[in-house]
């Protein structure tokens, strides 16, 4: 016969005693049925009852037989054991109904702490031999020992293995790190950490796709393929972002063209108090009228520049051995509607203003007026529709009107070819002088102007030619070459009109008092032109209809004449 040391209930089999201890005592919070002690293990409670309440387990005259349970030999204490069993059962069943206000329930002692023997000391009437008997009883092995348990120091979880406890605590630490630090997006399938939730979703979907395709999860081949696919997707995303930046930089991002930029600029001026509302509506009406007619409004034009330079070189700049000037050309500067992107269109307007003054080219031009920038865009689109430079047309998606797209030498060539004007593109693709200078460019410009004075054995010091200006293009900007100086020491200097120069600065060339200072701004020596590459568009006669069709056909693979 086996007897429960806690409640005194008797069992026949050891398996029944284990079940009784598990259901009645181990699964519930251990409490002493005779005092307020609680929150202890089975061994601790057994030791406490045997040492602190021995009078409740046996009579003072009972003497247990060594090796036998006291409850099995003591028949006089049966009623008391039944009373003890009833009290313990009632406390175990009423545990869930206890209030949290009791100190023994709200504060749980540590599981590795033992109550001090005799903490609830025996009554004064107890004999001295009873505590010794209790100690002897404690030394006897229990019928069932509770397995060693490991408590989490951060929560109330109890683990049966130290390895399980270690994993559980590591989860606590990981949650704490993720809560204290930056937000982490960790893949639940592998150990990859993504930068945002969208990347994590794409990454997990790739896992699922690989799983659906039957690939073995975690194999080296599948991991390598996944890494390569992720890298390709990242490269594709970066390419899309770079392409969008280029679209914004070159004005083909769909944010509007000349008229929209002009309106936004005037609206900003009104908001800042720099323009009256009445003036805003008046200028907007003028702009709409100019756009409807297709003719430039002339607000940025400066006339008579080459005539003023000719008069200046007649009396000044005696250190020049020779000076060549183009035919009279008007200067066009950028306006509020094309600032930052309209230099190519403005240089084309300068070129057209000179061609209108040359009898050879005037009949081929559409009217005598210089077109506006939106009209120039339409002329380039018309050239593309005729088949000129189809590759360049696809670059702009066949559309320039309504955009802020930059144009370069190939677009100038296209529109001139569509007008029946013979043009050449000279490509100075690398420096040819010391210090990354382009001496071959300066020599070629000299040859271009010297063709007007080949008949003379000794050309005069100042030559006003009938040649149009040259379109000069480099990375990010373009200008117009309207003349050339040759110093007495043989050095060459280009005369450039820049669309980026304000009209007020250009008009200083027209005054005798300021022309000597203003000329310094248009002089460019080889040391001032150090870009890696320059392209020059030169107009050299007219095209017959057959020659025009040949030029259109050859422009499918448009190539410049490379020098050197």
Foldseek 3Di string as FASTA:
>chain_A
DDADLQLGDDDDDLVVVVVCCVVQPQVFWHARLVDGATQEHPLQNSLQCQQQPVCLQAPLPQDDDPPDDSSVPGPVNPVSSNVRNVSSNVCRVCVVVDDCPDPNNVDHDDHPDHPDGCPNPYDPPHDPCSNVVSVVVSPDDDSDDDQDWDAAPVDGDIDRDPVVNVVVVVVVVVVVCCVVDPHWLAAPQDGDIDDDDVVNVVLVVLVVVCVVVPHDPPDPVSVVVSVVVVVVVVVVVVVVVVVCVVCVLQWNNLPWALLVQVLVVVVVCVVVVNDPPVVSVVVNVVVVVQVVVQFDPCPQKDFDLQVLVLVCVVPDDPQFQAKEFEAGWIQGADDSRQPQACQVVRQLLRLLLLLCVFPQRVVLDDDSGRGDPLSLQVLLLVLVVVQFQVVVCVVSPSGDHTTNGHDDDSSSCSSCLVSQFDKAKEKAQADDDPPQFNVVVQVVVVVVRCVQVPVDPDDHRYHYGHFGWKWKDDPSHIWTFGMKTQGPVGFIKTFTRGSNDGSVLSCLSVDPVRVVVSSVVRIGGRVNDRGGMMMIMGTDGGHDPVRSVVNSVVSNVDDHHYDD
